[in-house]
C-alpha atoms as a PDB file:
ATOM      1  CA  MET A   1     -28.895 -61.668   4.221  1.00  0.00           C
ATOM      2  CA  ARG A   2     -25.489 -63.598   4.060  1.00  0.00           C
ATOM      3  CA  ARG A   3     -21.953 -61.690   3.601  1.00  0.00           C
ATOM      4  CA  GLY A   4     -19.908 -62.418   0.951  1.00  0.00           C
ATOM      5  CA  VAL A   5     -16.801 -64.099   2.710  1.00  0.00           C
ATOM      6  CA  GLY A   6     -12.839 -64.810   1.340  1.00  0.00           C
ATOM      7  CA  LEU A   7     -11.947 -63.577  -1.919  1.00  0.00           C
ATOM      8  CA  ALA A   8     -15.027 -63.043  -3.720  1.00  0.00           C
ATOM      9  CA  ALA A   9     -16.249 -60.673  -0.810  1.00  0.00           C
ATOM     10  CA  PHE A  10     -12.722 -58.673  -1.020  1.00  0.00           C
ATOM     11  CA  ASP A  11     -13.390 -58.421  -5.229  1.00  0.00           C
ATOM     12  CA  HIS A  12     -16.654 -56.974  -4.375  1.00  0.00           C
ATOM     13  CA  GLU A  13     -15.631 -54.741  -2.393  1.00  0.00           C
ATOM     14  CA  GLU A  14     -12.573 -53.661  -4.411  1.00  0.00           C
ATOM     15  CA  GLN A  15     -15.097 -53.146  -7.470  1.00  0.00           C
ATOM     16  CA  ALA A  16     -17.547 -50.984  -5.269  1.00  0.00           C
ATOM     17  CA  LYS A  17     -14.582 -48.535  -4.350  1.00  0.00           C
ATOM     18  CA  ARG A  18     -13.300 -48.130  -7.471  1.00  0.00           C
ATOM     19  CA  SER A  19     -17.355 -47.768  -9.004  1.00  0.00           C
ATOM     20  CA  TYR A  20     -17.358 -44.905  -6.333  1.00  0.00           C
ATOM     21  CA  ALA A  21     -14.163 -43.244  -7.095  1.00  0.00           C
ATOM     22  CA  GLU A  22     -14.556 -42.926 -10.959  1.00  0.00           C
ATOM     23  CA  LEU A  23     -18.648 -41.700 -10.635  1.00  0.00           C
ATOM     24  CA  SER A  24     -16.685 -39.026  -7.788  1.00  0.00           C
ATOM     25  CA  SER A  25     -13.850 -37.973 -10.519  1.00  0.00           C
ATOM     26  CA  GLU A  26     -16.703 -37.651 -13.099  1.00  0.00           C
ATOM     27  CA  LEU A  27     -18.627 -35.631 -10.729  1.00  0.00           C
ATOM     28  CA  SER A  28     -15.721 -33.293 -10.093  1.00  0.00           C
ATOM     29  CA  ARG A  29     -14.482 -32.945 -13.797  1.00  0.00           C
ATOM     30  CA  LYS A  30     -18.221 -31.958 -14.892  1.00  0.00           C
ATOM     31  CA  GLN A  31     -18.302 -29.529 -11.305  1.00  0.00           C
ATOM     32  CA  VAL A  32     -14.709 -28.154 -13.038  1.00  0.00           C
ATOM     33  CA  GLU A  33     -15.549 -27.812 -16.614  1.00  0.00           C
ATOM     34  CA  TYR A  34     -19.041 -26.169 -14.759  1.00  0.00           C
ATOM     35  CA  LEU A  35     -16.768 -23.575 -12.798  1.00  0.00           C
ATOM     36  CA  HIS A  36     -14.384 -23.199 -15.794  1.00  0.00           C
ATOM     37  CA  SER A  37     -17.264 -21.607 -18.026  1.00  0.00           C
ATOM     38  CA  GLN A  38     -18.706 -19.805 -15.461  1.00  0.00           C
ATOM     39  CA  LEU A  39     -15.920 -17.990 -14.753  1.00  0.00           C
ATOM     40  CA  ASP A  40     -15.395 -17.566 -18.635  1.00  0.00           C
ATOM     41  CA  GLN A  41     -18.685 -15.777 -19.060  1.00  0.00           C
ATOM     42  CA  PHE A  42     -17.745 -13.731 -15.487  1.00  0.00           C
ATOM     43  CA  ARG A  43     -14.530 -12.283 -17.358  1.00  0.00           C
ATOM     44  CA  THR A  44     -16.338 -11.368 -20.505  1.00  0.00           C
ATOM     45  CA  ALA A  45     -19.193  -9.354 -18.604  1.00  0.00           C
ATOM     46  CA  LEU A  46     -16.067  -7.814 -16.433  1.00  0.00           C
ATOM     47  CA  ALA A  47     -14.064  -7.278 -19.533  1.00  0.00           C
ATOM     48  CA  HIS A  48     -16.917  -5.496 -21.151  1.00  0.00           C
ATOM     49  CA  PHE A  49     -17.474  -3.167 -18.247  1.00  0.00           C
ATOM     50  CA  ALA A  50     -14.408  -2.531 -18.106  1.00  0.00           C
ATOM     51  CA  SER A  51     -14.158  -1.278 -21.709  1.00  0.00           C
ATOM     52  CA  THR A  52     -17.086   0.511 -21.400  1.00  0.00           C
ATOM     53  CA  HIS A  53     -16.146   2.190 -18.580  1.00  0.00           C
ATOM     54  CA  ARG A  54     -12.288   2.915 -19.026  1.00  0.00           C
ATOM     55  CA  GLU A  55     -12.075   6.455 -19.400  1.00  0.00           C
ATOM     56  CA  SER A  56     -14.213   6.921 -16.118  1.00  0.00           C
ATOM     57  CA  ILE A  57     -12.049   4.176 -13.969  1.00  0.00           C
ATOM     58  CA  ARG A  58      -9.140   6.190 -15.581  1.00  0.00           C
ATOM     59  CA  SER A  59     -10.037   9.600 -14.803  1.00  0.00           C
ATOM     60  CA  ASP A  60     -12.559   9.591 -11.694  1.00  0.00           C
ATOM     61  CA  PRO A  61     -10.907   8.686  -8.444  1.00  0.00           C
ATOM     62  CA  SER A  62     -14.342   7.676  -7.072  1.00  0.00           C
ATOM     63  CA  PHE A  63     -15.367   5.596  -9.577  1.00  0.00           C
ATOM     64  CA  ARG A  64     -11.620   3.804  -9.754  1.00  0.00           C
ATOM     65  CA  TYR A  65     -11.926   2.969  -6.168  1.00  0.00           C
ATOM     66  CA  ALA A  66     -15.036   1.361  -6.535  1.00  0.00           C
ATOM     67  CA  PHE A  67     -14.064  -0.679  -9.343  1.00  0.00           C
ATOM     68  CA  GLN A  68     -11.144  -1.770  -7.171  1.00  0.00           C
ATOM     69  CA  GLN A  69     -13.540  -2.646  -4.511  1.00  0.00           C
ATOM     70  CA  MET A  70     -15.769  -4.725  -6.422  1.00  0.00           C
ATOM     71  CA  CYS A  71     -12.617  -6.334  -8.084  1.00  0.00           C
ATOM     72  CA  SER A  72     -10.708  -7.217  -5.239  1.00  0.00           C
ATOM     73  CA  SER A  73     -14.287  -8.972  -3.273  1.00  0.00           C
ATOM     74  CA  ILE A  74     -13.366 -11.592  -5.907  1.00  0.00           C
ATOM     75  CA  GLY A  75      -9.880 -11.734  -5.898  1.00  0.00           C
ATOM     76  CA  VAL A  76      -8.916  -9.941  -8.703  1.00  0.00           C
ATOM     77  CA  ASP A  77      -6.190  -7.324  -9.388  1.00  0.00           C
ATOM     78  CA  PRO A  78      -7.417  -4.574 -12.289  1.00  0.00           C
ATOM     79  CA  LEU A  79      -4.679  -2.132 -11.410  1.00  0.00           C
ATOM     80  CA  ALA A  80      -1.218  -4.255 -11.383  1.00  0.00           C
ATOM     81  CA  GLY A  81       0.870  -3.853 -13.823  1.00  0.00           C
ATOM     82  CA  PRO A  82       1.750  -5.679 -16.985  1.00  0.00           C
ATOM     83  CA  ARG A  83       3.813  -8.299 -15.486  1.00  0.00           C
ATOM     84  CA  LYS A  84       1.168  -9.311 -12.863  1.00  0.00           C
ATOM     85  CA  GLY A  85      -2.018  -7.599 -14.597  1.00  0.00           C
ATOM     86  CA  GLY A  86      -1.842  -9.787 -17.921  1.00  0.00           C
ATOM     87  CA  TRP A  87      -4.529  -8.897 -20.050  1.00  0.00           C
ATOM     88  CA  TRP A  88      -6.129  -6.123 -17.218  1.00  0.00           C
ATOM     89  CA  ALA A  89      -3.341  -3.726 -17.698  1.00  0.00           C
ATOM     90  CA  GLU A  90      -3.429  -4.160 -21.732  1.00  0.00           C
ATOM     91  CA  LEU A  91      -7.461  -3.817 -21.623  1.00  0.00           C
ATOM     92  CA  LEU A  92      -7.882  -0.797 -19.098  1.00  0.00           C
ATOM     93  CA  GLY A  93      -4.497   0.704 -20.302  1.00  0.00           C
ATOM     94  CA  LEU A  94      -3.611   1.276 -16.596  1.00  0.00           C
ATOM     95  CA  GLY A  95      -0.098  -0.646 -16.342  1.00  0.00           C
ATOM     96  CA  ASP A  96       1.645   2.663 -17.876  1.00  0.00           C
ATOM     97  CA  TRP A  97      -0.615   5.146 -16.072  1.00  0.00           C
ATOM     98  CA  GLN A  98       0.325   3.230 -12.705  1.00  0.00           C
ATOM     99  CA  TYR A  99       4.115   3.318 -13.606  1.00  0.00           C
ATOM    100  CA  GLU A 100       3.844   6.920 -14.431  1.00  0.00           C
ATOM    101  CA  LEU A 101       2.174   7.702 -11.123  1.00  0.00           C
ATOM    102  CA  GLY A 102       5.058   5.914  -9.817  1.00  0.00           C
ATOM    103  CA  VAL A 103       7.608   8.430 -11.340  1.00  0.00           C
ATOM    104  CA  GLN A 104       5.884  11.410 -10.034  1.00  0.00           C
ATOM    105  CA  ILE A 105       5.621  10.218  -6.469  1.00  0.00           C
ATOM    106  CA  VAL A 106       9.444   9.735  -6.834  1.00  0.00           C
ATOM    107  CA  ASP A 107       9.739  13.067  -8.002  1.00  0.00           C
ATOM    108  CA  VAL A 108       8.231  14.934  -5.468  1.00  0.00           C
ATOM    109  CA  CYS A 109       9.533  12.677  -2.671  1.00  0.00           C
ATOM    110  CA  VAL A 110      13.276  13.393  -3.564  1.00  0.00           C
ATOM    111  CA  SER A 111      12.113  17.214  -4.231  1.00  0.00           C
ATOM    112  CA  THR A 112      10.948  17.432  -0.762  1.00  0.00           C
ATOM    113  CA  ARG A 113      13.569  15.370   0.693  1.00  0.00           C
ATOM    114  CA  GLU A 114      15.648  18.032   1.740  1.00  0.00           C
ATOM    115  CA  GLN A 115      12.338  19.329   3.894  1.00  0.00           C
ATOM    116  CA  ASN A 116      10.999  16.667   5.382  1.00  0.00           C
ATOM    117  CA  GLY A 117      14.053  14.196   5.913  1.00  0.00           C
ATOM    118  CA  GLY A 118      12.386  11.357   3.477  1.00  0.00           C
ATOM    119  CA  LEU A 119       9.444  11.310   5.246  1.00  0.00           C
ATOM    120  CA  ILE A 120       6.286  12.843   4.044  1.00  0.00           C
ATOM    121  CA  GLU A 121       2.564  12.808   5.171  1.00  0.00           C
ATOM    122  CA  MET A 122       0.437  10.466   2.806  1.00  0.00           C
ATOM    123  CA  SER A 123      -2.371  13.320   2.338  1.00  0.00           C
ATOM    124  CA  GLU A 124       0.699  16.002   1.597  1.00  0.00           C
ATOM    125  CA  LEU A 125       1.846  13.954  -1.466  1.00  0.00           C
ATOM    126  CA  VAL A 126      -1.204  13.271  -2.578  1.00  0.00           C
ATOM    127  CA  ARG A 127      -1.630  17.040  -2.443  1.00  0.00           C
ATOM    128  CA  LEU A 128       1.508  17.378  -4.441  1.00  0.00           C
ATOM    129  CA  VAL A 129       1.098  14.543  -7.118  1.00  0.00           C
ATOM    130  CA  SER A 130      -2.020  16.049  -7.656  1.00  0.00           C
ATOM    131  CA  LYS A 131      -0.717  19.483  -8.653  1.00  0.00           C
ATOM    132  CA  LEU A 132       1.741  17.916 -10.638  1.00  0.00           C
ATOM    133  CA  ARG A 133      -0.400  16.550 -12.808  1.00  0.00           C
ATOM    134  CA  GLY A 134      -2.354  19.547 -13.324  1.00  0.00           C
ATOM    135  CA  VAL A 135      -6.352  19.185 -13.568  1.00  0.00           C
ATOM    136  CA  SER A 136      -6.146  17.495 -16.975  1.00  0.00           C
ATOM    137  CA  GLY A 137      -4.131  14.927 -15.641  1.00  0.00           C
ATOM    138  CA  GLY A 138      -7.022  13.432 -13.174  1.00  0.00           C
ATOM    139  CA  GLY A 139      -7.244  12.985  -9.917  1.00  0.00           C
ATOM    140  CA  ILE A 140      -5.619  10.480  -7.797  1.00  0.00           C
ATOM    141  CA  THR A 141      -6.835   9.157  -4.194  1.00  0.00           C
ATOM    142  CA  GLU A 142      -4.152   7.224  -1.288  1.00  0.00           C
ATOM    143  CA  ASP A 143      -4.820   3.938  -2.805  1.00  0.00           C
ATOM    144  CA  ASP A 144      -3.505   5.051  -6.022  1.00  0.00           C
ATOM    145  CA  VAL A 145      -0.634   6.079  -4.551  1.00  0.00           C
ATOM    146  CA  VAL A 146       0.052   3.107  -2.479  1.00  0.00           C
ATOM    147  CA  ARG A 147      -0.190   0.841  -5.501  1.00  0.00           C
ATOM    148  CA  SER A 148       2.205   2.577  -7.456  1.00  0.00           C
ATOM    149  CA  ILE A 149       4.028   2.650  -4.421  1.00  0.00           C
ATOM    150  CA  LYS A 150       4.143  -0.935  -5.074  1.00  0.00           C
ATOM    151  CA  THR A 151       5.812  -1.355  -7.870  1.00  0.00           C
ATOM    152  CA  LEU A 152       8.582   0.667  -6.960  1.00  0.00           C
ATOM    153  CA  GLN A 153       9.862  -1.606  -4.249  1.00  0.00           C
ATOM    154  CA  PRO A 154      11.821  -3.565  -6.949  1.00  0.00           C
ATOM    155  CA  LEU A 155      14.091  -0.643  -7.145  1.00  0.00           C
ATOM    156  CA  GLY A 156      14.992  -1.056  -3.600  1.00  0.00           C
ATOM    157  CA  ALA A 157      15.045   2.798  -3.004  1.00  0.00           C
ATOM    158  CA  GLY A 158      13.196   2.459   0.408  1.00  0.00           C
ATOM    159  CA  TYR A 159       9.933   3.601  -0.697  1.00  0.00           C
ATOM    160  CA  GLN A 160       7.035   2.556   1.962  1.00  0.00           C
ATOM    161  CA  VAL A 161       3.894   3.432   3.495  1.00  0.00           C
ATOM    162  CA  VAL A 162       4.194   3.917   7.313  1.00  0.00           C
ATOM    163  CA  GLU A 163       1.741   4.530   9.936  1.00  0.00           C
ATOM    164  CA  ILE A 164       3.088   6.996  12.813  1.00  0.00           C
ATOM    165  CA  GLY A 165       0.408   7.874  15.429  1.00  0.00           C
ATOM    166  CA  GLY A 166      -2.268   6.564  13.420  1.00  0.00           C
ATOM    167  CA  LEU A 167      -1.243   8.485  10.283  1.00  0.00           C
ATOM    168  CA  LYS A 168      -0.419   7.319   6.920  1.00  0.00           C
ATOM    169  CA  MET A 169       2.898   8.565   5.950  1.00  0.00           C
ATOM    170  CA  VAL A 170       5.458   7.510   2.872  1.00  0.00           C
ATOM    171  CA  ARG A 171       9.474   7.284   3.463  1.00  0.00           C
ATOM    172  CA  SER A 172      11.231   7.257   0.548  1.00  0.00           C
ATOM    173  CA  VAL A 173      15.019   6.562   1.983  1.00  0.00           C
ATOM    174  CA  VAL A 174      16.248   3.241   3.079  1.00  0.00           C
ATOM    175  CA  LYS A 175      15.956   3.460   6.839  1.00  0.00           C
ATOM    176  CA  ALA A 176      14.071   1.893   9.359  1.00  0.00           C
ATOM    177  CA  LEU A 177      12.424   3.999  12.232  1.00  0.00           C
ATOM    178  CA  ASP A 178      13.439   3.066  16.233  1.00  0.00           C
ATOM    179  CA  GLU A 179      10.798   3.283  18.545  1.00  0.00           C
ATOM    180  CA  ASP A 180      11.601   6.515  19.681  1.00  0.00           C
ATOM    181  CA  GLN A 181      11.565   8.267  16.745  1.00  0.00           C
ATOM    182  CA  THR A 182       8.182   7.147  16.176  1.00  0.00           C
ATOM    183  CA  VAL A 183       7.319   8.699  19.047  1.00  0.00           C
ATOM    184  CA  ILE A 184       8.684  11.736  18.528  1.00  0.00           C
ATOM    185  CA  LEU A 185       7.427  11.477  14.966  1.00  0.00           C
ATOM    186  CA  ALA A 186       3.651  11.483  16.738  1.00  0.00           C
ATOM    187  CA  ILE A 187       4.421  13.970  19.374  1.00  0.00           C
ATOM    188  CA  ALA A 188       5.515  16.620  16.496  1.00  0.00           C
ATOM    189  CA  ARG A 189       2.386  15.809  14.593  1.00  0.00           C
ATOM    190  CA  GLU A 190       0.648  17.061  17.889  1.00  0.00           C
ATOM    191  CA  THR A 191       2.559  20.339  17.941  1.00  0.00           C
ATOM    192  CA  GLY A 192       2.996  21.423  14.637  1.00  0.00           C
ATOM    193  CA  GLY A 193       6.630  20.193  14.502  1.00  0.00           C
ATOM    194  CA  ARG A 194       8.084  21.685  17.035  1.00  0.00           C
ATOM    195  CA  VAL A 195       9.751  18.988  20.087  1.00  0.00           C
ATOM    196  CA  VAL A 196      11.827  19.877  22.747  1.00  0.00           C
ATOM    197  CA  GLU A 197      13.299  17.044  25.326  1.00  0.00           C
ATOM    198  CA  SER A 198      11.376  18.601  28.509  1.00  0.00           C
ATOM    199  CA  ASP A 199       8.028  17.561  26.196  1.00  0.00           C
ATOM    200  CA  LEU A 200       9.422  14.004  25.675  1.00  0.00           C
ATOM    201  CA  MET A 201      10.395  13.881  29.430  1.00  0.00           C
ATOM    202  CA  ARG A 202       7.082  15.387  30.540  1.00  0.00           C
ATOM    203  CA  GLN A 203       4.705  13.506  28.193  1.00  0.00           C
ATOM    204  CA  LYS A 204       6.882  10.124  27.940  1.00  0.00           C
ATOM    205  CA  GLY A 205       8.412  10.100  31.411  1.00  0.00           C
ATOM    206  CA  TRP A 206      12.128   9.961  29.734  1.00  0.00           C
ATOM    207  CA  THR A 207      15.328  11.175  30.744  1.00  0.00           C
ATOM    208  CA  ARG A 208      17.153  13.994  29.302  1.00  0.00           C
ATOM    209  CA  ASN A 209      19.813  11.866  28.067  1.00  0.00           C
ATOM    210  CA  ARG A 210      17.151   9.274  26.291  1.00  0.00           C
ATOM    211  CA  ALA A 211      15.399  12.185  25.463  1.00  0.00           C
ATOM    212  CA  ARG A 212      18.164  14.321  23.856  1.00  0.00           C
ATOM    213  CA  SER A 213      19.966  11.342  22.327  1.00  0.00           C
ATOM    214  CA  ALA A 214      16.728  10.361  20.486  1.00  0.00           C
ATOM    215  CA  LEU A 215      16.770  13.771  19.033  1.00  0.00           C
ATOM    216  CA  GLU A 216      20.326  13.959  18.246  1.00  0.00           C
ATOM    217  CA  ASN A 217      20.161  10.806  16.060  1.00  0.00           C
ATOM    218  CA  MET A 218      17.010  12.147  14.214  1.00  0.00           C
ATOM    219  CA  LEU A 219      19.111  15.442  13.459  1.00  0.00           C
ATOM    220  CA  LEU A 220      22.682  14.126  13.123  1.00  0.00           C
ATOM    221  CA  ARG A 221      22.294  10.689  11.947  1.00  0.00           C
ATOM    222  CA  ASP A 222      18.886  10.600   9.751  1.00  0.00           C
ATOM    223  CA  GLY A 223      18.132  14.100   8.528  1.00  0.00           C
ATOM    224  CA  LEU A 224      14.690  14.150   9.972  1.00  0.00           C
ATOM    225  CA  CYS A 225      14.513  17.252  11.755  1.00  0.00           C
ATOM    226  CA  TRP A 226      16.384  20.792  12.233  1.00  0.00           C
ATOM    227  CA  LEU A 227      17.739  22.451  15.197  1.00  0.00           C
ATOM    228  CA  ASP A 228      16.923  26.065  16.601  1.00  0.00           C
ATOM    229  CA  ALA A 229      19.892  26.747  19.200  1.00  0.00           C
ATOM    230  CA  GLN A 230      17.905  29.930  19.606  1.00  0.00           C
ATOM    231  CA  ASP A 231      14.499  29.253  20.483  1.00  0.00           C
ATOM    232  CA  ASP A 232      12.762  32.354  22.214  1.00  0.00           C
ATOM    233  CA  GLN A 233      11.552  29.868  25.191  1.00  0.00           C
ATOM    234  CA  THR A 234      13.829  27.005  25.701  1.00  0.00           C
ATOM    235  CA  GLY A 235      17.011  28.246  23.998  1.00  0.00           C
ATOM    236  CA  ARG A 236      16.788  24.947  21.739  1.00  0.00           C
ATOM    237  CA  ALA A 237      14.055  23.303  19.871  1.00  0.00           C
ATOM    238  CA  TYR A 238      13.683  20.453  17.221  1.00  0.00           C
ATOM    239  CA  TRP A 239      11.610  20.713  14.392  1.00  0.00           C
ATOM    240  CA  VAL A 240      10.133  17.686  12.386  1.00  0.00           C
ATOM    241  CA  PRO A 241       9.523  19.115   8.861  1.00  0.00           C
ATOM    242  CA  SER A 242       7.156  16.099   8.172  1.00  0.00           C
ATOM    243  CA  ALA A 243       4.832  16.819  10.637  1.00  0.00           C
ATOM    244  CA  MET A 244       4.956  20.687   9.561  1.00  0.00           C
ATOM    245  CA  GLN A 245       2.720  22.088   6.795  1.00  0.00           C
ATOM    246  CA  TRP A 246       4.529  23.322   4.006  1.00  0.00           C
ATOM    247  CA  GLU A 247       2.659  25.708   1.041  1.00  0.00           C
ATOM    248  CA  ILE A 248       4.599  24.527  -2.430  1.00  0.00           C
END
């Protein structure tokens, strides 16, 4: 077979390229149309499921969590607020529910701030918010709290979920914890809230000046601990309220 030469061969090659490009575009267009059709069907089915089980999603924490996980696996956020959730928020009625939960989180955090300095354990926050909502309010989970706290970020009040010593805590003040404070909070969790300078020197190898400086900063600058100047054992002990158990 003889190969084409010159301008005729060039034109033939260009025509072949155009034909392949047109075929590729047509296939791509059909694939996109098919994908849109599949997504529309899936959306309709998911919307029907959400409408049918709306009350269970709102009132049953376990059912709500399972529904969230199912949606998250396909990249859908059904509990996003009205601005981000669009038809989801309207369909499930969860936009207002989530903002209402955010207000209750703020209520608990502000009312306990004198005790814990603006740092509260996640499980304790869930307990107090559930108590505030009452039995008829429906149970809530840590995941519900995390999502609602995200809706509070535009307020610029410093609400944030942090992890200290493997434990989730909620910070409700605009301040960052330094490394020494994180260490002290982790130790306080193990001792029921009581920390003394000698503990830090023995467990972490700190100098007395470093231990005292870190504790004094938590006491005077950040209000994250209390001072017991008449401690029976050492005469001077610091108590971290966020690591203590409170019955409220």
